[in-house]
Amino acid sequence: MPLLAEIFRELGYEGTTLSQITERTGIGKGSLYHFFPGGKEEMAAAVLEEVDRWFEDFIYEPLRRDEPAVAIAAMWRGVDDYFRSGGRICLVGAFALDGTRERFSEAINGYFRRWVEALAGALVRGGLKQDAARAEAEAAVLGIQGALVLSRALDDHDVFRRAITGMQTRLKATF
């Protein structure tokens, strides 16, 4: 699964061919079709499910469950780790930006919606009113995604780190 995710991150859904997948994974087409009878679309769906599970376990659920300041601090560490300090693009975000969005709209929408909802819930538990919490949560997720794009565009991981630090400071000041 990690190899498939990196191939889709690098080449995009439309740019990835079955030949590239077999070449980069070392797994033959027959074996791939055995595990993924639905071909490339099923592979991409499985990768999105894997990403979703990681975020559910390490980002969303702690935000819903843990003390707000602790959960939000853990979210920033998890985001930095997962996106390798800005060195790894957001696969879900990349899929949201092209024609792939319609094919995987439920997974894409759920990823972003649940992140905003979980963070907003933690902010409400931390003392913010619902509307303000929602706005701050949207700004944080937007900031993370934007920092990933800008960091990648400038080939400068420090852009991501500075953005994360700034957003972290801003959210801390809200509660």
Foldseek 3Di string as FASTA:
>chain_A
DVQLLVQCQVQNLVRDDPVNVCVSVVDDPVVVCVVVVVPSLSSVVVVLVVVQVVCVVQQQVCLQPPQLLVNVVSNLVVLCVVCVLLVTADSLVRCCPDPNCVVCVVSSVCSLVSQLVSQLNNLVSVPDDSVVSSVLSVVVVVLQNVQSVVCVVVVHSVSSVVSSVVSSVVSVVSD
